[in-house]
Amino acid sequence: MPEIEIHSSHGEHGNNPLVLPVSMTISILAVLVAISTLFGHRAHTEEGLVNAQAIDQWAYYQAKNIRLHEVQVMVDLLGTVTTLDKEKTELLREKYQKEVERYESDKDDISEKAKEFEKELEVQRKHANFFDASEGILEIALVICSLTLLTNQKVFWIAGVLIGAVGVVAGVAGFLVH
């Protein structure tokens, strides 16, 4: 069997003063990418839950609206037909009229709650967007920093750090959005 020799490339980087600070920067950026990714996933999960609540609330609103129209038809019908027992018909009409009023009141409350869920959904969407932007920017910064180790040019490290700072600002903004 042939023997394989493994040579480390410490010789070419051993005297490069950028290796340690750039490696530390890359490590820090990698941790920040992981954090942004985690918060982005959580924000998307919360966004999905709030979206489901808004959809459920609007479905409930629609069900109440359908019931309201059914009861309104009954009130209109009882007000126009001639029956043998006018007193009983009037009592039924009054009963259904109260139901109409109740459904109208319920419908307004349900609509307001659905709109609140939609506002919360928009906030969650903004959180998720900022965390996603942060993740992408930090990944770009990480790659640019790594170019320093390949080219031995400090400009890539500086650019990566500056871009990484923008990514951190985007991540912090994800917490501050309301």
N, C-alpha and C. Protein backbone atom coordinates (compact mmCIF):
# COMPACT_ATOMS: atom_id res chain seq x y z
N MET A 1 0.82 -1.18 0.00
CA MET A 1 0.00 0.00 0.00
C MET A 1 0.86 1.25 0.00
N PRO A 2 0.51 2.18 -0.83
CA PRO A 2 1.30 3.41 -0.85
C PRO A 2 1.02 4.24 0.39
N GLU A 3 2.02 4.89 0.85
CA GLU A 3 1.86 5.77 2.01
C GLU A 3 1.51 7.17 1.54
N ILE A 4 0.63 7.77 2.27
CA ILE A 4 0.21 9.13 1.93
C ILE A 4 0.77 10.07 2.97
N GLU A 5 1.44 11.06 2.52
CA GLU A 5 1.97 12.05 3.44
C GLU A 5 1.04 13.25 3.48
N ILE A 6 0.74 13.69 4.66
CA ILE A 6 -0.11 14.87 4.82
C ILE A 6 0.78 15.99 5.29
N HIS A 7 0.77 17.04 4.52
CA HIS A 7 1.57 18.21 4.86
C HIS A 7 0.63 19.31 5.32
N SER A 8 0.93 19.90 6.42
CA SER A 8 0.12 21.03 6.85
C SER A 8 0.69 22.27 6.17
N SER A 9 -0.16 23.24 5.99
CA SER A 9 0.27 24.45 5.30
C SER A 9 0.58 25.56 6.30
N HIS A 10 1.04 25.16 7.48
CA HIS A 10 1.37 26.17 8.49
C HIS A 10 2.49 27.08 8.01
N GLY A 11 3.33 26.57 7.14
CA GLY A 11 4.46 27.35 6.69
C GLY A 11 4.05 28.62 5.98
N GLU A 12 3.02 28.52 5.11
CA GLU A 12 2.65 29.71 4.36
C GLU A 12 1.82 30.69 5.18
N HIS A 13 1.12 30.21 6.20
CA HIS A 13 0.33 31.11 7.05
C HIS A 13 1.01 31.40 8.38
N GLY A 14 2.07 30.70 8.67
CA GLY A 14 2.72 30.83 9.97
C GLY A 14 3.20 32.23 10.28
N ASN A 15 3.64 32.94 9.28
CA ASN A 15 4.15 34.28 9.52
C ASN A 15 3.13 35.37 9.15
N ASN A 16 1.92 34.96 8.80
CA ASN A 16 0.87 35.93 8.42
C ASN A 16 0.17 36.41 9.69
N PRO A 17 0.29 37.68 10.03
CA PRO A 17 -0.32 38.19 11.26
C PRO A 17 -1.84 38.27 11.17
N LEU A 18 -2.43 38.10 9.99
CA LEU A 18 -3.88 38.21 9.83
C LEU A 18 -4.62 36.91 10.18
N VAL A 19 -3.93 35.80 10.21
CA VAL A 19 -4.59 34.50 10.39
C VAL A 19 -5.40 34.46 11.68
N LEU A 20 -4.83 34.80 12.79
CA LEU A 20 -5.54 34.72 14.07
C LEU A 20 -6.72 35.70 14.15
N PRO A 21 -6.55 36.98 13.88
CA PRO A 21 -7.71 37.88 13.99
C PRO A 21 -8.80 37.57 12.97
N VAL A 22 -8.42 37.18 11.77
CA VAL A 22 -9.42 36.84 10.75
C VAL A 22 -10.15 35.56 11.15
N SER A 23 -9.43 34.60 11.66
CA SER A 23 -10.07 33.35 12.12
C SER A 23 -11.05 33.62 13.25
N MET A 24 -10.66 34.48 14.17
CA MET A 24 -11.58 34.85 15.26
C MET A 24 -12.80 35.57 14.72
N THR A 25 -12.59 36.47 13.79
CA THR A 25 -13.71 37.20 13.17
C THR A 25 -14.66 36.24 12.47
N ILE A 26 -14.10 35.30 11.74
CA ILE A 26 -14.93 34.30 11.05
C ILE A 26 -15.73 33.48 12.06
N SER A 27 -15.10 33.11 13.16
CA SER A 27 -15.79 32.34 14.19
C SER A 27 -16.94 33.14 14.79
N ILE A 28 -16.67 34.40 15.07
CA ILE A 28 -17.72 35.27 15.64
C ILE A 28 -18.86 35.44 14.63
N LEU A 29 -18.53 35.67 13.37
CA LEU A 29 -19.57 35.81 12.35
C LEU A 29 -20.40 34.53 12.22
N ALA A 30 -19.74 33.39 12.33
CA ALA A 30 -20.47 32.12 12.24
C ALA A 30 -21.47 31.97 13.39
N VAL A 31 -21.06 32.38 14.57
CA VAL A 31 -21.98 32.34 15.72
C VAL A 31 -23.14 33.30 15.50
N LEU A 32 -22.84 34.49 14.99
CA LEU A 32 -23.90 35.47 14.73
C LEU A 32 -24.87 34.99 13.65
N VAL A 33 -24.35 34.29 12.64
CA VAL A 33 -25.21 33.70 11.62
C VAL A 33 -26.15 32.68 12.27
N ALA A 34 -25.62 31.85 13.14
CA ALA A 34 -26.44 30.85 13.82
C ALA A 34 -27.53 31.51 14.67
N ILE A 35 -27.17 32.56 15.36
CA ILE A 35 -28.15 33.27 16.20
C ILE A 35 -29.24 33.89 15.33
N SER A 36 -28.85 34.56 14.25
CA SER A 36 -29.83 35.16 13.34
C SER A 36 -30.75 34.10 12.74
N THR A 37 -30.16 32.97 12.38
CA THR A 37 -30.95 31.87 11.82
C THR A 37 -31.97 31.37 12.83
N LEU A 38 -31.54 31.20 14.06
CA LEU A 38 -32.44 30.73 15.11
C LEU A 38 -33.61 31.69 15.31
N PHE A 39 -33.29 32.97 15.46
CA PHE A 39 -34.36 33.95 15.67
C PHE A 39 -35.24 34.09 14.43
N GLY A 40 -34.66 33.94 13.25
CA GLY A 40 -35.45 33.97 12.02
C GLY A 40 -36.45 32.82 11.96
N HIS A 41 -36.00 31.63 12.33
CA HIS A 41 -36.90 30.47 12.34
C HIS A 41 -38.02 30.66 13.36
N ARG A 42 -37.66 31.17 14.52
CA ARG A 42 -38.69 31.41 15.55
C ARG A 42 -39.69 32.46 15.09
N ALA A 43 -39.21 33.51 14.45
CA ALA A 43 -40.11 34.56 13.97
C ALA A 43 -41.04 34.02 12.89
N HIS A 44 -40.51 33.17 12.00
CA HIS A 44 -41.36 32.57 10.97
C HIS A 44 -42.40 31.63 11.58
N THR A 45 -42.02 30.91 12.60
CA THR A 45 -42.97 30.03 13.28
C THR A 45 -44.08 30.85 13.92
N GLU A 46 -43.71 31.90 14.60
CA GLU A 46 -44.71 32.77 15.23
C GLU A 46 -45.59 33.43 14.17
N GLU A 47 -44.99 33.80 13.06
CA GLU A 47 -45.74 34.39 11.96
C GLU A 47 -46.81 33.41 11.46
N GLY A 48 -46.44 32.15 11.32
CA GLY A 48 -47.40 31.14 10.88
C GLY A 48 -48.53 30.93 11.87
N LEU A 49 -48.20 30.94 13.16
CA LEU A 49 -49.23 30.76 14.18
C LEU A 49 -50.22 31.93 14.20
N VAL A 50 -49.68 33.14 14.12
CA VAL A 50 -50.55 34.32 14.14
C VAL A 50 -51.39 34.37 12.87
N ASN A 51 -50.81 33.96 11.75
CA ASN A 51 -51.57 33.91 10.50
C ASN A 51 -52.74 32.94 10.63
N ALA A 52 -52.50 31.79 11.23
CA ALA A 52 -53.57 30.80 11.43
C ALA A 52 -54.67 31.38 12.33
N GLN A 53 -54.27 32.12 13.36
CA GLN A 53 -55.27 32.72 14.25
C GLN A 53 -56.10 33.76 13.50
N ALA A 54 -55.46 34.55 12.65
CA ALA A 54 -56.20 35.56 11.88
C ALA A 54 -57.18 34.88 10.92
N ILE A 55 -56.72 33.83 10.26
CA ILE A 55 -57.59 33.10 9.33
C ILE A 55 -58.77 32.49 10.08
N ASP A 56 -58.50 31.89 11.23
CA ASP A 56 -59.58 31.31 12.04
C ASP A 56 -60.58 32.38 12.46
N GLN A 57 -60.08 33.53 12.83
CA GLN A 57 -60.96 34.61 13.29
C GLN A 57 -61.83 35.11 12.14
N TRP A 58 -61.25 35.24 10.95
CA TRP A 58 -62.06 35.67 9.80
C TRP A 58 -63.08 34.60 9.41
N ALA A 59 -62.74 33.34 9.56
CA ALA A 59 -63.70 32.27 9.28
C ALA A 59 -64.86 32.33 10.28
N TYR A 60 -64.54 32.61 11.53
CA TYR A 60 -65.57 32.76 12.56
C TYR A 60 -66.46 33.96 12.22
N TYR A 61 -65.85 35.04 11.77
CA TYR A 61 -66.59 36.24 11.36
C TYR A 61 -67.57 35.88 10.24
N GLN A 62 -67.07 35.14 9.25
CA GLN A 62 -67.92 34.75 8.12
C GLN A 62 -69.07 33.86 8.57
N ALA A 63 -68.81 32.95 9.50
CA ALA A 63 -69.88 32.08 10.01
C ALA A 63 -70.96 32.92 10.71
N LYS A 64 -70.52 33.88 11.52
CA LYS A 64 -71.50 34.77 12.19
C LYS A 64 -72.27 35.58 11.16
N ASN A 65 -71.60 36.03 10.12
CA ASN A 65 -72.25 36.82 9.08
C ASN A 65 -73.31 35.99 8.35
N ILE A 66 -73.00 34.73 8.08
CA ILE A 66 -73.97 33.84 7.43
C ILE A 66 -75.19 33.65 8.34
N ARG A 67 -74.93 33.39 9.62
CA ARG A 67 -76.05 33.24 10.57
C ARG A 67 -76.87 34.52 10.65
N LEU A 68 -76.22 35.66 10.63
CA LEU A 68 -76.92 36.94 10.67
C LEU A 68 -77.87 37.06 9.48
N HIS A 69 -77.39 36.75 8.30
CA HIS A 69 -78.24 36.84 7.11
C HIS A 69 -79.41 35.86 7.18
N GLU A 70 -79.17 34.67 7.70
CA GLU A 70 -80.25 33.70 7.84
C GLU A 70 -81.34 34.22 8.78
N VAL A 71 -80.94 34.80 9.89
CA VAL A 71 -81.89 35.32 10.87
C VAL A 71 -82.60 36.55 10.31
N GLN A 72 -81.87 37.39 9.55
CA GLN A 72 -82.50 38.55 8.93
C GLN A 72 -83.59 38.12 7.95
N VAL A 73 -83.33 37.05 7.22
CA VAL A 73 -84.35 36.51 6.31
C VAL A 73 -85.58 36.08 7.09
N MET A 74 -85.36 35.46 8.24
CA MET A 74 -86.48 35.02 9.07
C MET A 74 -87.29 36.22 9.57
N VAL A 75 -86.61 37.26 10.02
CA VAL A 75 -87.30 38.48 10.50
C VAL A 75 -88.10 39.09 9.36
N ASP A 76 -87.48 39.20 8.18
CA ASP A 76 -88.19 39.77 7.03
C ASP A 76 -89.39 38.92 6.64
N LEU A 77 -89.20 37.62 6.65
CA LEU A 77 -90.28 36.71 6.29
C LEU A 77 -91.44 36.80 7.27
N LEU A 78 -91.13 36.81 8.55
CA LEU A 78 -92.19 36.90 9.57
C LEU A 78 -92.88 38.26 9.54
N GLY A 79 -92.25 39.26 9.01
CA GLY A 79 -92.87 40.58 8.91
C GLY A 79 -93.76 40.73 7.70
N THR A 80 -93.66 39.81 6.76
CA THR A 80 -94.43 39.96 5.52
C THR A 80 -95.53 38.93 5.34
N VAL A 81 -95.42 37.78 5.97
CA VAL A 81 -96.43 36.73 5.77
C VAL A 81 -97.60 36.93 6.72
N THR A 82 -98.74 36.46 6.28
CA THR A 82 -99.93 36.49 7.12
C THR A 82 -100.06 35.12 7.78
N THR A 83 -100.21 35.15 9.10
CA THR A 83 -100.33 33.90 9.84
C THR A 83 -101.63 33.89 10.62
N LEU A 84 -101.97 32.71 11.11
CA LEU A 84 -103.20 32.57 11.89
C LEU A 84 -103.03 33.17 13.28
N ASP A 85 -101.84 33.02 13.85
CA ASP A 85 -101.60 33.52 15.21
C ASP A 85 -100.62 34.71 15.13
N LYS A 86 -101.19 35.90 14.95
CA LYS A 86 -100.37 37.11 14.77
C LYS A 86 -99.53 37.41 16.01
N GLU A 87 -100.06 37.13 17.17
CA GLU A 87 -99.33 37.41 18.41
C GLU A 87 -98.08 36.52 18.51
N LYS A 88 -98.24 35.26 18.21
CA LYS A 88 -97.10 34.33 18.26
C LYS A 88 -96.08 34.70 17.17
N THR A 89 -96.56 35.08 16.02
CA THR A 89 -95.67 35.49 14.93
C THR A 89 -94.86 36.72 15.34
N GLU A 90 -95.50 37.67 15.98
CA GLU A 90 -94.81 38.89 16.42
C GLU A 90 -93.77 38.56 17.49
N LEU A 91 -94.08 37.64 18.40
CA LEU A 91 -93.11 37.21 19.41
C LEU A 91 -91.89 36.55 18.75
N LEU A 92 -92.15 35.70 17.77
CA LEU A 92 -91.04 35.06 17.04
C LEU A 92 -90.20 36.10 16.30
N ARG A 93 -90.88 37.04 15.68
CA ARG A 93 -90.18 38.11 14.95
C ARG A 93 -89.28 38.91 15.91
N GLU A 94 -89.80 39.26 17.08
CA GLU A 94 -89.02 39.99 18.08
C GLU A 94 -87.82 39.16 18.55
N LYS A 95 -88.05 37.86 18.73
CA LYS A 95 -86.96 36.97 19.15
C LYS A 95 -85.84 36.97 18.10
N TYR A 96 -86.23 36.81 16.84
CA TYR A 96 -85.23 36.78 15.77
C TYR A 96 -84.58 38.15 15.57
N GLN A 97 -85.32 39.22 15.83
CA GLN A 97 -84.74 40.56 15.71
C GLN A 97 -83.64 40.76 16.76
N LYS A 98 -83.87 40.23 17.97
CA LYS A 98 -82.83 40.29 19.01
C LYS A 98 -81.59 39.49 18.59
N GLU A 99 -81.82 38.36 17.92
CA GLU A 99 -80.70 37.55 17.42
C GLU A 99 -79.92 38.33 16.36
N VAL A 100 -80.63 39.06 15.50
CA VAL A 100 -79.96 39.88 14.49
C VAL A 100 -79.05 40.89 15.18
N GLU A 101 -79.54 41.55 16.20
CA GLU A 101 -78.75 42.55 16.92
C GLU A 101 -77.54 41.91 17.60
N ARG A 102 -77.75 40.74 18.17
CA ARG A 102 -76.65 40.04 18.83
C ARG A 102 -75.57 39.65 17.83
N TYR A 103 -75.99 39.09 16.68
CA TYR A 103 -75.01 38.69 15.66
C TYR A 103 -74.26 39.90 15.11
N GLU A 104 -74.96 41.02 14.94
CA GLU A 104 -74.27 42.23 14.45
C GLU A 104 -73.22 42.69 15.45
N SER A 105 -73.56 42.64 16.73
CA SER A 105 -72.62 43.03 17.78
C SER A 105 -71.44 42.06 17.83
N ASP A 106 -71.72 40.77 17.78
CA ASP A 106 -70.66 39.75 17.80
C ASP A 106 -69.74 39.91 16.60
N LYS A 107 -70.32 40.17 15.46
CA LYS A 107 -69.56 40.29 14.22
C LYS A 107 -68.54 41.42 14.31
N ASP A 108 -68.95 42.53 14.90
CA ASP A 108 -68.03 43.67 15.04
C ASP A 108 -66.86 43.32 15.95
N ASP A 109 -67.14 42.66 17.06
CA ASP A 109 -66.07 42.26 17.99
C ASP A 109 -65.10 41.28 17.33
N ILE A 110 -65.66 40.33 16.59
CA ILE A 110 -64.83 39.33 15.92
C ILE A 110 -63.96 39.99 14.85
N SER A 111 -64.53 40.93 14.14
CA SER A 111 -63.78 41.66 13.10
C SER A 111 -62.62 42.42 13.72
N GLU A 112 -62.85 43.07 14.84
CA GLU A 112 -61.78 43.82 15.51
C GLU A 112 -60.65 42.89 15.95
N LYS A 113 -61.02 41.73 16.48
CA LYS A 113 -60.00 40.78 16.93
C LYS A 113 -59.21 40.25 15.73
N ALA A 114 -59.88 40.00 14.62
CA ALA A 114 -59.19 39.53 13.42
C ALA A 114 -58.21 40.59 12.92
N LYS A 115 -58.60 41.85 12.98
CA LYS A 115 -57.72 42.93 12.55
C LYS A 115 -56.51 43.06 13.48
N GLU A 116 -56.71 42.80 14.77
CA GLU A 116 -55.58 42.79 15.71
C GLU A 116 -54.59 41.68 15.36
N PHE A 117 -55.12 40.50 15.02
CA PHE A 117 -54.25 39.40 14.60
C PHE A 117 -53.48 39.79 13.34
N GLU A 118 -54.12 40.48 12.41
CA GLU A 118 -53.45 40.89 11.19
C GLU A 118 -52.33 41.89 11.48
N LYS A 119 -52.56 42.79 12.43
CA LYS A 119 -51.50 43.73 12.81
C LYS A 119 -50.33 42.99 13.43
N GLU A 120 -50.62 42.02 14.30
CA GLU A 120 -49.56 41.22 14.92
C GLU A 120 -48.83 40.40 13.86
N LEU A 121 -49.56 39.91 12.86
CA LEU A 121 -48.95 39.16 11.76
C LEU A 121 -47.94 40.04 11.03
N GLU A 122 -48.30 41.29 10.79
CA GLU A 122 -47.39 42.19 10.10
C GLU A 122 -46.13 42.44 10.91
N VAL A 123 -46.28 42.57 12.22
CA VAL A 123 -45.11 42.76 13.09
C VAL A 123 -44.21 41.53 13.04
N GLN A 124 -44.80 40.35 13.13
CA GLN A 124 -44.02 39.11 13.07
C GLN A 124 -43.31 38.97 11.73
N ARG A 125 -43.98 39.39 10.67
CA ARG A 125 -43.38 39.32 9.34
C ARG A 125 -42.16 40.25 9.27
N LYS A 126 -42.27 41.43 9.87
CA LYS A 126 -41.14 42.36 9.89
C LYS A 126 -39.97 41.78 10.70
N HIS A 127 -40.29 41.17 11.85
CA HIS A 127 -39.23 40.52 12.65
C HIS A 127 -38.50 39.50 11.78
N ALA A 128 -39.27 38.63 11.14
CA ALA A 128 -38.69 37.56 10.32
C ALA A 128 -37.85 38.13 9.18
N ASN A 129 -38.34 39.18 8.54
CA ASN A 129 -37.60 39.78 7.42
C ASN A 129 -36.25 40.35 7.88
N PHE A 130 -36.25 41.02 9.02
CA PHE A 130 -34.99 41.57 9.52
C PHE A 130 -34.00 40.47 9.89
N PHE A 131 -34.51 39.41 10.54
CA PHE A 131 -33.61 38.31 10.90
C PHE A 131 -33.09 37.59 9.66
N ASP A 132 -33.94 37.44 8.64
CA ASP A 132 -33.48 36.82 7.39
C ASP A 132 -32.41 37.68 6.72
N ALA A 133 -32.65 38.99 6.70
CA ALA A 133 -31.67 39.91 6.12
C ALA A 133 -30.35 39.83 6.90
N SER A 134 -30.46 39.81 8.21
CA SER A 134 -29.27 39.71 9.05
C SER A 134 -28.48 38.45 8.73
N GLU A 135 -29.19 37.35 8.63
CA GLU A 135 -28.53 36.07 8.33
C GLU A 135 -27.79 36.14 7.00
N GLY A 136 -28.46 36.63 5.98
CA GLY A 136 -27.83 36.71 4.65
C GLY A 136 -26.62 37.64 4.64
N ILE A 137 -26.75 38.80 5.26
CA ILE A 137 -25.64 39.76 5.28
C ILE A 137 -24.46 39.19 6.06
N LEU A 138 -24.75 38.55 7.19
CA LEU A 138 -23.66 37.96 7.98
C LEU A 138 -22.95 36.83 7.23
N GLU A 139 -23.71 36.06 6.46
CA GLU A 139 -23.08 35.00 5.66
C GLU A 139 -22.16 35.59 4.60
N ILE A 140 -22.61 36.67 3.99
CA ILE A 140 -21.77 37.34 3.00
C ILE A 140 -20.50 37.87 3.67
N ALA A 141 -20.64 38.46 4.84
CA ALA A 141 -19.49 38.98 5.58
C ALA A 141 -18.51 37.86 5.91
N LEU A 142 -19.05 36.73 6.30
CA LEU A 142 -18.20 35.58 6.63
C LEU A 142 -17.38 35.14 5.42
N VAL A 143 -18.02 35.06 4.27
CA VAL A 143 -17.31 34.64 3.05
C VAL A 143 -16.25 35.67 2.66
N ILE A 144 -16.60 36.94 2.75
CA ILE A 144 -15.63 37.98 2.40
C ILE A 144 -14.43 37.95 3.35
N CYS A 145 -14.70 37.75 4.64
CA CYS A 145 -13.58 37.64 5.59
C CYS A 145 -12.68 36.46 5.25
N SER A 146 -13.28 35.37 4.83
CA SER A 146 -12.47 34.18 4.52
C SER A 146 -11.57 34.42 3.32
N LEU A 147 -11.94 35.35 2.46
CA LEU A 147 -11.09 35.67 1.32
C LEU A 147 -9.74 36.24 1.77
N THR A 148 -9.72 36.83 2.96
CA THR A 148 -8.46 37.36 3.50
C THR A 148 -7.43 36.25 3.66
N LEU A 149 -7.89 35.09 4.12
CA LEU A 149 -6.96 33.97 4.32
C LEU A 149 -6.44 33.42 3.00
N LEU A 150 -7.24 33.57 1.94
CA LEU A 150 -6.80 33.07 0.63
C LEU A 150 -5.91 34.07 -0.10
N THR A 151 -6.17 35.35 0.11
CA THR A 151 -5.44 36.37 -0.65
C THR A 151 -4.39 37.11 0.15
N ASN A 152 -4.44 36.99 1.47
CA ASN A 152 -3.55 37.74 2.36
C ASN A 152 -3.70 39.25 2.20
N GLN A 153 -4.91 39.67 1.82
CA GLN A 153 -5.16 41.10 1.67
C GLN A 153 -6.12 41.55 2.77
N LYS A 154 -5.68 42.52 3.53
CA LYS A 154 -6.41 43.00 4.69
C LYS A 154 -7.74 43.67 4.31
N VAL A 155 -7.85 44.15 3.09
CA VAL A 155 -9.05 44.86 2.65
C VAL A 155 -10.29 43.95 2.75
N PHE A 156 -10.13 42.67 2.50
CA PHE A 156 -11.26 41.73 2.60
C PHE A 156 -11.71 41.58 4.05
N TRP A 157 -10.77 41.56 4.94
CA TRP A 157 -11.11 41.45 6.37
C TRP A 157 -11.89 42.68 6.82
N ILE A 158 -11.39 43.86 6.46
CA ILE A 158 -12.06 45.11 6.84
C ILE A 158 -13.47 45.16 6.23
N ALA A 159 -13.56 44.80 4.96
CA ALA A 159 -14.87 44.80 4.29
C ALA A 159 -15.82 43.80 4.97
N GLY A 160 -15.31 42.63 5.30
CA GLY A 160 -16.13 41.62 5.98
C GLY A 160 -16.62 42.10 7.33
N VAL A 161 -15.75 42.78 8.08
CA VAL A 161 -16.15 43.29 9.39
C VAL A 161 -17.22 44.36 9.24
N LEU A 162 -17.05 45.26 8.26
CA LEU A 162 -18.04 46.32 8.04
C LEU A 162 -19.39 45.74 7.60
N ILE A 163 -19.35 44.79 6.70
CA ILE A 163 -20.59 44.15 6.25
C ILE A 163 -21.22 43.37 7.42
N GLY A 164 -20.38 42.73 8.22
CA GLY A 164 -20.87 42.02 9.40
C GLY A 164 -21.57 42.97 10.36
N ALA A 165 -21.04 44.18 10.51
CA ALA A 165 -21.67 45.18 11.38
C ALA A 165 -23.06 45.53 10.87
N VAL A 166 -23.20 45.63 9.55
CA VAL A 166 -24.53 45.90 8.96
C VAL A 166 -25.47 44.73 9.28
N GLY A 167 -24.97 43.52 9.19
CA GLY A 167 -25.78 42.34 9.53
C GLY A 167 -26.22 42.34 10.98
N VAL A 168 -25.32 42.76 11.87
CA VAL A 168 -25.67 42.84 13.29
C VAL A 168 -26.75 43.89 13.51
N VAL A 169 -26.62 45.03 12.84
CA VAL A 169 -27.64 46.09 12.95
C VAL A 169 -28.99 45.57 12.47
N ALA A 170 -29.00 44.83 11.36
CA ALA A 170 -30.25 44.26 10.86
C ALA A 170 -30.85 43.29 11.87
N GLY A 171 -30.00 42.49 12.52
CA GLY A 171 -30.49 41.55 13.53
C GLY A 171 -31.07 42.25 14.74
N VAL A 172 -30.38 43.30 15.20
CA VAL A 172 -30.89 44.07 16.34
C VAL A 172 -32.21 44.75 15.97
N ALA A 173 -32.30 45.22 14.73
CA ALA A 173 -33.55 45.86 14.28
C ALA A 173 -34.71 44.85 14.32
N GLY A 174 -34.41 43.57 14.13
CA GLY A 174 -35.44 42.55 14.21
C GLY A 174 -36.09 42.47 15.59
N PHE A 175 -35.33 42.83 16.61
CA PHE A 175 -35.89 42.85 17.96
C PHE A 175 -36.66 44.14 18.25
N LEU A 176 -36.29 45.20 17.58
CA LEU A 176 -36.86 46.52 17.89
C LEU A 176 -38.12 46.86 17.10
N VAL A 177 -38.42 46.12 16.06
CA VAL A 177 -39.59 46.40 15.24
C VAL A 177 -40.87 46.16 16.02
N HIS A 178 -41.79 47.10 15.91
CA HIS A 178 -43.10 46.94 16.56
C HIS A 178 -44.20 47.31 15.63
